[in-house]
Amino acid sequence: MRVQRVPADDLLVRDGETALLVDGMAVRLSELSAAIYDLTEEMVEVERLARELEAHFGAPEGSTSMDATGHAVTELLRHGVLRSDP
């Protein structure tokens, strides 16, 4: 699957916290979710995201990088922060 971020109506980054306004809804991003948002300006394969996130954050405990990335991507899709390639 490929994903791309949805343009935010507003973006606030302060003291390591990131918040977006997307379609009138405020969404607070974790550090991992903010990194996914930053890496998805263009369409990108979730597998590539998993590799890049593991290189930045290290391997997740108790899960694979692909599983953890897939879970985060699913949540961001659910909140309208990302869109997927049909």
N, C-alpha and C. Protein backbone atom coordinates (compact mmCIF):
# COMPACT_ATOMS: atom_id res chain seq x y z
N MET A 1 0.85 -1.18 0.00
CA MET A 1 0.00 0.00 0.00
C MET A 1 0.89 1.24 0.00
N ARG A 2 0.43 2.25 -0.70
CA ARG A 2 1.12 3.54 -0.71
C ARG A 2 0.22 4.57 -0.02
N VAL A 3 0.86 5.49 0.70
CA VAL A 3 0.11 6.53 1.41
C VAL A 3 0.75 7.89 1.17
N GLN A 4 -0.07 8.91 1.36
CA GLN A 4 0.38 10.30 1.24
C GLN A 4 -0.39 11.13 2.25
N ARG A 5 0.28 12.13 2.79
CA ARG A 5 -0.41 12.97 3.76
C ARG A 5 -1.47 13.83 3.08
N VAL A 6 -2.47 14.18 3.84
CA VAL A 6 -3.51 15.10 3.41
C VAL A 6 -3.04 16.50 3.81
N PRO A 7 -3.12 17.48 2.94
CA PRO A 7 -2.69 18.82 3.33
C PRO A 7 -3.48 19.30 4.55
N ALA A 8 -2.77 19.79 5.53
CA ALA A 8 -3.41 20.30 6.75
C ALA A 8 -3.87 21.73 6.52
N ASP A 9 -5.01 22.06 7.13
CA ASP A 9 -5.48 23.44 7.09
C ASP A 9 -4.59 24.32 7.95
N ASP A 10 -4.02 23.71 9.00
CA ASP A 10 -3.08 24.41 9.88
C ASP A 10 -2.19 23.36 10.53
N LEU A 11 -0.97 23.76 10.84
CA LEU A 11 0.01 22.87 11.44
C LEU A 11 0.74 23.65 12.52
N LEU A 12 0.83 23.07 13.71
CA LEU A 12 1.52 23.71 14.83
C LEU A 12 2.53 22.73 15.39
N VAL A 13 3.79 23.16 15.46
CA VAL A 13 4.85 22.37 16.08
C VAL A 13 5.43 23.23 17.19
N ARG A 14 5.34 22.73 18.42
CA ARG A 14 5.85 23.49 19.57
C ARG A 14 6.35 22.52 20.62
N ASP A 15 7.58 22.75 21.07
CA ASP A 15 8.18 21.94 22.13
C ASP A 15 8.11 20.44 21.82
N GLY A 16 8.37 20.08 20.58
CA GLY A 16 8.36 18.68 20.19
C GLY A 16 6.99 18.09 19.97
N GLU A 17 5.94 18.86 20.15
CA GLU A 17 4.56 18.41 19.93
C GLU A 17 4.09 18.89 18.57
N THR A 18 3.31 18.08 17.88
CA THR A 18 2.76 18.44 16.58
C THR A 18 1.25 18.28 16.61
N ALA A 19 0.56 19.30 16.14
CA ALA A 19 -0.90 19.25 16.01
C ALA A 19 -1.28 19.73 14.62
N LEU A 20 -2.29 19.08 14.06
CA LEU A 20 -2.78 19.41 12.73
C LEU A 20 -4.26 19.78 12.82
N LEU A 21 -4.68 20.63 11.90
CA LEU A 21 -6.10 20.87 11.70
C LEU A 21 -6.40 20.34 10.30
N VAL A 22 -7.21 19.27 10.23
CA VAL A 22 -7.54 18.62 8.96
C VAL A 22 -9.06 18.54 8.87
N ASP A 23 -9.62 19.19 7.87
CA ASP A 23 -11.08 19.20 7.67
C ASP A 23 -11.83 19.60 8.94
N GLY A 24 -11.33 20.62 9.62
CA GLY A 24 -11.99 21.14 10.81
C GLY A 24 -11.78 20.32 12.06
N MET A 25 -10.97 19.26 11.99
CA MET A 25 -10.72 18.42 13.15
C MET A 25 -9.26 18.56 13.59
N ALA A 26 -9.05 18.81 14.88
CA ALA A 26 -7.70 18.89 15.42
C ALA A 26 -7.19 17.49 15.72
N VAL A 27 -5.96 17.21 15.31
CA VAL A 27 -5.34 15.92 15.53
C VAL A 27 -3.96 16.15 16.13
N ARG A 28 -3.72 15.56 17.29
CA ARG A 28 -2.40 15.65 17.93
C ARG A 28 -1.60 14.42 17.51
N LEU A 29 -0.38 14.65 17.02
CA LEU A 29 0.45 13.57 16.52
C LEU A 29 1.53 13.19 17.52
N SER A 30 1.76 11.90 17.66
CA SER A 30 2.91 11.42 18.43
C SER A 30 4.17 11.72 17.63
N GLU A 31 5.32 11.50 18.23
CA GLU A 31 6.58 11.72 17.52
C GLU A 31 6.66 10.82 16.29
N LEU A 32 6.23 9.57 16.44
CA LEU A 32 6.23 8.63 15.33
C LEU A 32 5.27 9.07 14.23
N SER A 33 4.06 9.45 14.60
CA SER A 33 3.07 9.90 13.62
C SER A 33 3.52 11.18 12.92
N ALA A 34 4.17 12.08 13.64
CA ALA A 34 4.69 13.30 13.03
C ALA A 34 5.78 12.96 12.01
N ALA A 35 6.61 11.95 12.32
CA ALA A 35 7.64 11.53 11.37
C ALA A 35 6.99 10.94 10.11
N ILE A 36 5.94 10.15 10.29
CA ILE A 36 5.22 9.59 9.13
C ILE A 36 4.64 10.74 8.30
N TYR A 37 4.05 11.72 8.95
CA TYR A 37 3.48 12.86 8.23
C TYR A 37 4.58 13.57 7.43
N ASP A 38 5.73 13.77 8.04
CA ASP A 38 6.84 14.44 7.35
C ASP A 38 7.34 13.64 6.14
N LEU A 39 7.32 12.32 6.25
CA LEU A 39 7.86 11.46 5.19
C LEU A 39 6.88 11.18 4.05
N THR A 40 5.66 11.70 4.16
CA THR A 40 4.64 11.36 3.16
C THR A 40 4.16 12.55 2.35
N GLU A 41 5.06 13.47 2.06
CA GLU A 41 4.68 14.59 1.20
C GLU A 41 4.26 14.06 -0.17
N GLU A 42 4.96 13.04 -0.65
CA GLU A 42 4.62 12.33 -1.89
C GLU A 42 4.12 10.94 -1.51
N MET A 43 3.47 10.25 -2.44
CA MET A 43 3.05 8.87 -2.19
C MET A 43 4.27 8.02 -1.86
N VAL A 44 4.15 7.19 -0.84
CA VAL A 44 5.27 6.35 -0.42
C VAL A 44 4.73 4.99 0.02
N GLU A 45 5.49 3.95 -0.27
CA GLU A 45 5.13 2.59 0.15
C GLU A 45 5.29 2.47 1.67
N VAL A 46 4.36 1.78 2.29
CA VAL A 46 4.42 1.59 3.75
C VAL A 46 5.70 0.84 4.13
N GLU A 47 6.14 -0.09 3.30
CA GLU A 47 7.38 -0.82 3.58
C GLU A 47 8.57 0.13 3.66
N ARG A 48 8.61 1.11 2.78
CA ARG A 48 9.70 2.11 2.81
C ARG A 48 9.61 2.94 4.08
N LEU A 49 8.39 3.33 4.45
CA LEU A 49 8.21 4.07 5.71
C LEU A 49 8.76 3.26 6.89
N ALA A 50 8.44 1.96 6.92
CA ALA A 50 8.89 1.11 8.01
C ALA A 50 10.41 1.10 8.10
N ARG A 51 11.08 1.00 6.97
CA ARG A 51 12.56 1.01 6.96
C ARG A 51 13.11 2.34 7.46
N GLU A 52 12.52 3.43 6.98
CA GLU A 52 13.01 4.76 7.38
C GLU A 52 12.75 5.03 8.86
N LEU A 53 11.59 4.59 9.34
CA LEU A 53 11.28 4.80 10.76
C LEU A 53 12.18 3.96 11.65
N GLU A 54 12.46 2.72 11.23
CA GLU A 54 13.37 1.89 12.02
C GLU A 54 14.77 2.49 12.05
N ALA A 55 15.21 3.05 10.93
CA ALA A 55 16.53 3.69 10.89
C ALA A 55 16.58 4.88 11.84
N HIS A 56 15.47 5.59 11.98
CA HIS A 56 15.43 6.78 12.83
C HIS A 56 15.18 6.44 14.30
N PHE A 57 14.21 5.57 14.57
CA PHE A 57 13.79 5.29 15.95
C PHE A 57 14.33 3.99 16.51
N GLY A 58 14.86 3.11 15.64
CA GLY A 58 15.26 1.78 16.07
C GLY A 58 14.08 0.83 15.94
N ALA A 59 14.37 -0.46 16.13
CA ALA A 59 13.32 -1.48 16.02
C ALA A 59 12.37 -1.38 17.21
N PRO A 60 11.07 -1.54 16.96
CA PRO A 60 10.11 -1.48 18.07
C PRO A 60 10.22 -2.72 18.95
N GLU A 61 9.91 -2.56 20.21
CA GLU A 61 9.93 -3.68 21.14
C GLU A 61 8.65 -4.48 21.00
N GLY A 62 8.76 -5.79 20.90
CA GLY A 62 7.59 -6.65 20.88
C GLY A 62 6.82 -6.65 19.58
N SER A 63 7.37 -6.11 18.51
CA SER A 63 6.68 -6.05 17.23
C SER A 63 7.71 -5.90 16.13
N THR A 64 7.29 -6.09 14.90
CA THR A 64 8.17 -5.80 13.78
C THR A 64 7.97 -4.35 13.36
N SER A 65 8.93 -3.81 12.67
CA SER A 65 8.80 -2.43 12.18
C SER A 65 7.62 -2.31 11.23
N MET A 66 7.40 -3.32 10.41
CA MET A 66 6.29 -3.28 9.46
C MET A 66 4.95 -3.30 10.19
N ASP A 67 4.82 -4.14 11.22
CA ASP A 67 3.56 -4.20 11.98
C ASP A 67 3.29 -2.87 12.69
N ALA A 68 4.31 -2.32 13.34
CA ALA A 68 4.15 -1.06 14.07
C ALA A 68 3.81 0.09 13.12
N THR A 69 4.49 0.12 11.98
CA THR A 69 4.22 1.17 10.98
C THR A 69 2.81 1.00 10.41
N GLY A 70 2.45 -0.24 10.11
CA GLY A 70 1.11 -0.50 9.59
C GLY A 70 0.03 -0.05 10.55
N HIS A 71 0.22 -0.29 11.84
CA HIS A 71 -0.75 0.15 12.85
C HIS A 71 -0.84 1.68 12.87
N ALA A 72 0.30 2.36 12.88
CA ALA A 72 0.30 3.82 12.90
C ALA A 72 -0.34 4.39 11.65
N VAL A 73 -0.04 3.81 10.50
CA VAL A 73 -0.63 4.27 9.24
C VAL A 73 -2.15 4.08 9.25
N THR A 74 -2.61 2.95 9.76
CA THR A 74 -4.05 2.69 9.85
C THR A 74 -4.74 3.76 10.69
N GLU A 75 -4.14 4.13 11.81
CA GLU A 75 -4.72 5.17 12.67
C GLU A 75 -4.74 6.53 11.97
N LEU A 76 -3.66 6.84 11.26
CA LEU A 76 -3.61 8.12 10.55
C LEU A 76 -4.61 8.16 9.40
N LEU A 77 -4.82 7.04 8.75
CA LEU A 77 -5.85 6.96 7.71
C LEU A 77 -7.23 7.15 8.34
N ARG A 78 -7.46 6.52 9.47
CA ARG A 78 -8.75 6.61 10.16
C ARG A 78 -9.07 8.04 10.57
N HIS A 79 -8.04 8.80 10.94
CA HIS A 79 -8.24 10.19 11.37
C HIS A 79 -8.18 11.19 10.21
N GLY A 80 -8.01 10.68 8.99
CA GLY A 80 -8.00 11.57 7.82
C GLY A 80 -6.72 12.34 7.62
N VAL A 81 -5.64 11.91 8.27
CA VAL A 81 -4.35 12.59 8.15
C VAL A 81 -3.60 12.10 6.91
N LEU A 82 -3.81 10.82 6.55
CA LEU A 82 -3.22 10.23 5.36
C LEU A 82 -4.33 9.76 4.43
N ARG A 83 -3.96 9.61 3.16
CA ARG A 83 -4.85 8.96 2.19
C ARG A 83 -4.04 7.85 1.55
N SER A 84 -4.73 6.80 1.11
CA SER A 84 -4.03 5.69 0.49
C SER A 84 -4.26 5.69 -1.02
N ASP A 85 -3.33 5.06 -1.71
CA ASP A 85 -3.42 4.90 -3.16
C ASP A 85 -4.49 3.84 -3.44
N PRO A 86 -5.45 4.16 -4.29
CA PRO A 86 -6.52 3.17 -4.56
C PRO A 86 -5.99 1.88 -5.16
